C-alpha atoms as a PDB file:
ATOM      1  CA  MET A   1       0.000   0.000   0.000  1.00  0.00           C
ATOM      2  CA  PHE A   2       1.200   3.493  -0.804  1.00  0.00           C
ATOM      3  CA  ASN A   3       2.635   5.299   2.211  1.00  0.00           C
ATOM      4  CA  PHE A   4       0.951   8.710   2.045  1.00  0.00           C
ATOM      5  CA  LYS A   5       2.503   9.992   5.246  1.00  0.00           C
ATOM      6  CA  LYS A   6       5.985   9.483   3.774  1.00  0.00           C
ATOM      7  CA  TYR A   7       5.125  12.152   1.192  1.00  0.00           C
ATOM      8  CA  ASN A   8       3.463  14.509   3.677  1.00  0.00           C
ATOM      9  CA  ILE A   9       0.096  14.225   1.988  1.00  0.00           C
ATOM     10  CA  SER A  10      -2.644  15.030   4.415  1.00  0.00           C
ATOM     11  CA  LEU A  11      -6.182  14.162   3.446  1.00  0.00           C
ATOM     12  CA  PRO A  12      -9.341  13.589   5.453  1.00  0.00           C
ATOM     13  CA  SER A  13      -9.857   9.950   6.437  1.00  0.00           C
ATOM     14  CA  GLU A  14     -12.711   9.370   3.976  1.00  0.00           C
ATOM     15  CA  TYR A  15     -10.222   9.726   1.101  1.00  0.00           C
ATOM     16  CA  TYR A  16      -8.034   6.968   2.534  1.00  0.00           C
ATOM     17  CA  LYS A  17     -11.125   4.799   2.964  1.00  0.00           C
ATOM     18  CA  ALA A  18     -11.949   5.357  -0.723  1.00  0.00           C
ATOM     19  CA  VAL A  19      -8.444   4.173  -1.678  1.00  0.00           C
ATOM     20  CA  LYS A  20      -8.949   0.929   0.226  1.00  0.00           C
ATOM     21  CA  ILE A  21     -12.459   0.389  -1.127  1.00  0.00           C
ATOM     22  CA  GLY A  22     -11.438   1.083  -4.736  1.00  0.00           C
ATOM     23  CA  ALA A  23      -8.086  -0.704  -4.831  1.00  0.00           C
ATOM     24  CA  PRO A  24      -9.507  -4.114  -5.861  1.00  0.00           C
ATOM     25  CA  ILE A  25     -11.140  -2.718  -9.001  1.00  0.00           C
ATOM     26  CA  PHE A  26      -8.047  -1.178 -10.603  1.00  0.00           C
ATOM     27  CA  PRO A  27      -6.686  -4.397 -12.152  1.00  0.00           C
ATOM     28  CA  ILE A  28     -10.196  -5.365 -13.272  1.00  0.00           C
ATOM     29  CA  LEU A  29     -10.680  -1.987 -14.989  1.00  0.00           C
ATOM     30  CA  PHE A  30      -7.225  -2.240 -16.560  1.00  0.00           C
ATOM     31  CA  GLU A  31      -7.990  -5.647 -18.035  1.00  0.00           C
ATOM     32  CA  PHE A  32     -11.526  -4.702 -19.100  1.00  0.00           C
ATOM     33  CA  GLU A  33     -10.671  -1.402 -20.800  1.00  0.00           C
ATOM     34  CA  ASN A  34      -7.706  -2.868 -22.643  1.00  0.00           C
ATOM     35  CA  GLY A  35      -9.676  -5.974 -23.579  1.00  0.00           C
ATOM     36  CA  LEU A  36     -12.479  -3.785 -24.932  1.00  0.00           C
ATOM     37  CA  ARG A  37      -9.958  -1.723 -26.911  1.00  0.00           C
ATOM     38  CA  LEU A  38      -8.396  -4.832 -28.443  1.00  0.00           C
ATOM     39  CA  ALA A  39     -11.747  -6.492 -29.164  1.00  0.00           C
ATOM     40  CA  ILE A  40     -13.044  -3.389 -30.966  1.00  0.00           C
ATOM     41  CA  ASN A  41      -9.787  -2.990 -32.875  1.00  0.00           C
ATOM     42  CA  ASN A  42      -9.633  -6.658 -33.885  1.00  0.00           C
ATOM     43  CA  PHE A  43     -13.290  -6.735 -34.856  1.00  0.00           C
ATOM     44  CA  LEU A  44     -13.222  -3.580 -36.983  1.00  0.00           C
ATOM     45  CA  SER A  45      -9.857  -4.616 -38.490  1.00  0.00           C
ATOM     46  CA  SER A  46     -11.438  -7.903 -39.569  1.00  0.00           C
ATOM     47  CA  ILE A  47     -14.086  -5.927 -41.470  1.00  0.00           C
ATOM     48  CA  TYR A  48     -12.151  -2.937 -42.833  1.00  0.00           C
ATOM     49  CA  GLY A  49      -8.504  -3.968 -42.542  1.00  0.00           C
ATOM     50  CA  ASN A  50      -5.793  -2.792 -40.187  1.00  0.00           C
ATOM     51  CA  ASP A  51      -6.156   0.806 -41.337  1.00  0.00           C
ATOM     52  CA  TRP A  52      -9.862   1.019 -40.355  1.00  0.00           C
ATOM     53  CA  TRP A  53      -8.917   3.929 -38.096  1.00  0.00           C
ATOM     54  CA  GLU A  54      -7.940   6.063 -41.104  1.00  0.00           C
ATOM     55  CA  ILE A  55     -10.469   4.638 -43.557  1.00  0.00           C
ATOM     56  CA  LYS A  56     -13.617   4.634 -41.414  1.00  0.00           C
ATOM     57  CA  LEU A  57     -13.207   6.164 -37.977  1.00  0.00           C
ATOM     58  CA  LYS A  58     -11.829   9.474 -39.250  1.00  0.00           C
ATOM     59  CA  SER A  59     -15.067  10.146 -41.129  1.00  0.00           C
ATOM     60  CA  ARG A  60     -17.531   8.553 -38.682  1.00  0.00           C
ATOM     61  CA  TYR A  61     -16.129   9.847 -35.410  1.00  0.00           C
ATOM     62  CA  PHE A  62     -13.697  12.656 -36.069  1.00  0.00           C
ATOM     63  CA  ASP A  63     -13.688  13.830 -32.416  1.00  0.00           C
ATOM     64  CA  ALA A  64     -12.034  10.580 -31.282  1.00  0.00           C
ATOM     65  CA  TYR A  65      -9.694  10.660 -34.281  1.00  0.00           C
ATOM     66  CA  LYS A  66      -8.612  14.211 -33.416  1.00  0.00           C
ATOM     67  CA  TYR A  67      -8.314  13.377 -29.708  1.00  0.00           C
ATOM     68  CA  VAL A  68      -5.872  10.565 -30.506  1.00  0.00           C
ATOM     69  CA  ALA A  69      -3.914  12.791 -32.894  1.00  0.00           C
ATOM     70  CA  ASP A  70      -3.605  15.406 -30.131  1.00  0.00           C
ATOM     71  CA  GLN A  71      -2.498  12.734 -27.639  1.00  0.00           C
ATOM     72  CA  LYS A  72       0.081  11.461 -30.130  1.00  0.00           C
ATOM     73  CA  ALA A  73       1.435  14.981 -30.619  1.00  0.00           C
ATOM     74  CA  LYS A  74       1.894  15.263 -26.844  1.00  0.00           C
ATOM     75  CA  ARG A  75       3.582  11.839 -26.678  1.00  0.00           C
ATOM     76  CA  ASP A  76       5.909  12.740 -29.536  1.00  0.00           C
ATOM     77  CA  LYS A  77       7.252  15.556 -27.364  1.00  0.00           C
ATOM     78  CA  MET A  78       8.065  12.930 -24.717  1.00  0.00           C
ATOM     79  CA  PRO A  79       9.744  10.083 -26.644  1.00  0.00           C
ATOM     80  CA  TRP A  80      10.115   7.942 -23.520  1.00  0.00           C
ATOM     81  CA  ILE A  81       6.334   7.411 -23.552  1.00  0.00           C
ATOM     82  CA  GLY A  82       4.907   5.090 -26.169  1.00  0.00           C
ATOM     83  CA  ASP A  83       5.623   1.674 -27.642  1.00  0.00           C
ATOM     84  CA  SER A  84       7.458  -0.737 -25.404  1.00  0.00           C
ATOM     85  CA  SER A  85       9.248  -3.986 -25.997  1.00  0.00           C
ATOM     86  CA  ARG A  86       6.074  -5.735 -24.779  1.00  0.00           C
ATOM     87  CA  THR A  87       3.459  -4.118 -27.000  1.00  0.00           C
ATOM     88  CA  THR A  88       2.894  -1.620 -29.764  1.00  0.00           C
ATOM     89  CA  LEU A  89       0.438   1.188 -29.157  1.00  0.00           C
ATOM     90  CA  ILE A  90      -2.616   1.293 -31.382  1.00  0.00           C
ATOM     91  CA  PRO A  91      -4.780   4.421 -31.685  1.00  0.00           C
ATOM     92  CA  LEU A  92      -7.414   2.927 -29.375  1.00  0.00           C
ATOM     93  CA  HIS A  93      -4.898   2.908 -26.510  1.00  0.00           C
ATOM     94  CA  SER A  94      -5.236   6.690 -26.400  1.00  0.00           C
ATOM     95  CA  VAL A  95      -9.015   6.997 -26.256  1.00  0.00           C
ATOM     96  CA  THR A  96     -11.140   7.313 -23.138  1.00  0.00           C
ATOM     97  CA  ILE A  97     -13.683   4.745 -22.054  1.00  0.00           C
ATOM     98  CA  GLY A  98     -16.357   7.189 -23.252  1.00  0.00           C
ATOM     99  CA  HIS A  99     -14.750   7.226 -26.696  1.00  0.00           C
ATOM    100  CA  LEU A 100     -14.791   3.421 -26.743  1.00  0.00           C
ATOM    101  CA  GLU A 101     -18.498   3.441 -26.016  1.00  0.00           C
ATOM    102  CA  GLN A 102     -19.102   6.013 -28.759  1.00  0.00           C
ATOM    103  CA  ILE A 103     -17.092   3.983 -31.268  1.00  0.00           C
ATOM    104  CA  VAL A 104     -19.411   1.023 -30.689  1.00  0.00           C
ATOM    105  CA  ILE A 105     -22.385   3.384 -31.091  1.00  0.00           C
ATOM    106  CA  LYS A 106     -20.981   4.908 -34.300  1.00  0.00           C
ATOM    107  CA  PHE A 107     -20.255   1.423 -35.663  1.00  0.00           C
ATOM    108  CA  GLN A 108     -23.377  -0.230 -34.283  1.00  0.00           C
ATOM    109  CA  SER A 109     -24.416  -1.575 -37.685  1.00  0.00           C
ATOM    110  CA  GLU A 110     -21.198  -3.635 -37.589  1.00  0.00           C
ATOM    111  CA  CYS A 111     -21.002  -4.314 -33.827  1.00  0.00           C
ATOM    112  CA  ILE A 112     -24.618  -5.307 -33.176  1.00  0.00           C
ATOM    113  CA  PRO A 113     -25.265  -8.222 -32.778  1.00  0.00           C
ATOM    114  CA  GLN A 114     -21.762  -9.468 -33.639  1.00  0.00           C
ATOM    115  CA  LEU A 115     -20.158  -8.042 -30.459  1.00  0.00           C
ATOM    116  CA  PHE A 116     -23.181  -7.198 -28.292  1.00  0.00           C
ATOM    117  CA  PRO A 117     -26.833  -8.287 -28.532  1.00  0.00           C
ATOM    118  CA  THR A 118     -28.243  -4.731 -28.708  1.00  0.00           C
ATOM    119  CA  ILE A 119     -26.871  -1.221 -28.409  1.00  0.00           C
ATOM    120  CA  GLN A 120     -29.042  -0.689 -25.328  1.00  0.00           C
ATOM    121  CA  PHE A 121     -27.484  -3.777 -23.730  1.00  0.00           C
ATOM    122  CA  PHE A 122     -24.001  -2.363 -24.295  1.00  0.00           C
ATOM    123  CA  THR A 123     -24.678   1.248 -23.290  1.00  0.00           C
ATOM    124  CA  GLY A 124     -26.769   0.270 -20.276  1.00  0.00           C
ATOM    125  CA  HIS A 125     -24.007  -1.878 -18.807  1.00  0.00           C
ATOM    126  CA  MET A 126     -21.330   0.625 -19.784  1.00  0.00           C
ATOM    127  CA  GLU A 127     -23.127   3.407 -17.910  1.00  0.00           C
ATOM    128  CA  ILE A 128     -22.392   1.835 -14.549  1.00  0.00           C
ATOM    129  CA  VAL A 129     -18.840   0.832 -15.511  1.00  0.00           C
ATOM    130  CA  LYS A 130     -18.064   4.381 -16.675  1.00  0.00           C
ATOM    131  CA  ARG A 131     -19.586   5.945 -13.558  1.00  0.00           C
ATOM    132  CA  VAL A 132     -17.613   3.789 -11.145  1.00  0.00           C
ATOM    133  CA  ARG A 133     -14.438   3.977 -13.233  1.00  0.00           C
ATOM    134  CA  ASN A 134     -14.614   7.760 -13.190  1.00  0.00           C
ATOM    135  CA  MET A 135     -15.430   7.843  -9.483  1.00  0.00           C
ATOM    136  CA  TYR A 136     -12.387   5.682  -8.787  1.00  0.00           C
ATOM    137  CA  SER A 137     -10.046   7.395 -11.249  1.00  0.00           C
ATOM    138  CA  HIS A 138     -10.926  10.834  -9.953  1.00  0.00           C
ATOM    139  CA  MET A 139     -10.854   9.573  -6.365  1.00  0.00           C
ATOM    140  CA  TYR A 140     -14.291  10.607  -5.268  1.00  0.00           C
ATOM    141  CA  PRO A 141     -14.303   9.923  -1.540  1.00  0.00           C
ATOM    142  CA  CYS A 142     -17.980   8.896  -1.785  1.00  0.00           C
ATOM    143  CA  ILE A 143     -17.218   5.647  -3.650  1.00  0.00           C
ATOM    144  CA  ASP A 144     -18.436   2.668  -1.679  1.00  0.00           C
ATOM    145  CA  LYS A 145     -18.201  -1.106  -1.743  1.00  0.00           C
ATOM    146  CA  GLU A 146     -21.533  -1.437  -3.569  1.00  0.00           C
ATOM    147  CA  ASP A 147     -20.240   0.782  -6.395  1.00  0.00           C
ATOM    148  CA  ILE A 148     -17.277  -1.530  -6.840  1.00  0.00           C
ATOM    149  CA  GLU A 149     -19.465  -4.647  -6.732  1.00  0.00           C
ATOM    150  CA  ASP A 150     -21.870  -3.141  -9.294  1.00  0.00           C
ATOM    151  CA  ALA A 151     -19.045  -2.278 -11.691  1.00  0.00           C
ATOM    152  CA  ILE A 152     -17.479  -5.720 -11.385  1.00  0.00           C
ATOM    153  CA  SER A 153     -20.852  -7.318 -12.115  1.00  0.00           C
ATOM    154  CA  GLU A 154     -21.357  -5.151 -15.211  1.00  0.00           C
ATOM    155  CA  ILE A 155     -17.804  -5.810 -16.421  1.00  0.00           C
ATOM    156  CA  LYS A 156     -18.423  -9.561 -16.141  1.00  0.00           C
ATOM    157  CA  ILE A 157     -21.570  -9.279 -18.260  1.00  0.00           C
ATOM    158  CA  ILE A 158     -19.938  -7.185 -21.007  1.00  0.00           C
ATOM    159  CA  SER A 159     -16.767  -9.280 -20.934  1.00  0.00           C
ATOM    160  CA  LYS A 160     -18.670 -12.461 -21.773  1.00  0.00           C
ATOM    161  CA  HIS A 161     -19.397 -10.919 -25.156  1.00  0.00           C
ATOM    162  CA  ILE A 162     -15.888  -9.762 -26.025  1.00  0.00           C
ATOM    163  CA  LYS A 163     -13.985 -12.645 -24.434  1.00  0.00           C
ATOM    164  CA  ASN A 164     -13.452 -14.549 -27.676  1.00  0.00           C
ATOM    165  CA  LYS A 165     -13.021 -11.465 -29.851  1.00  0.00           C
ATOM    166  CA  ILE A 166      -9.540 -10.412 -28.671  1.00  0.00           C
END
């Protein structure tokens, strides 16, 4: 566990409680978000080819395309951030979880029912995942155990559909 006192950080106790409550979900979110990124990338690459990002996403969802271009420009100024010996970055590594949801919405004619049964199924489950993910990532001290349990439950449901698509 991180030693806050060593760094002279002084927060009210409810913040430290939120850290303990939220800690178990971080690896689950990491695996889920990256799995969703790879599943979407692999699925759309199987339809449009490896350059689907340039061919299709640029015209269908320019905001995400521009967001990734801006992120890349920032990374290029810091060459120590980027590809590693373990993995190559793909554009979807730079998008937010909200962008991922919107990509499925923008490509719903391709993704439904091949990835998810209905768009409402996907967005309904994602709503809770996004809410808890953002609560945890932005360290809202009001996060509670039920929030974490709800998000894990929703991640399990969505993951069943992308499990074999990575």
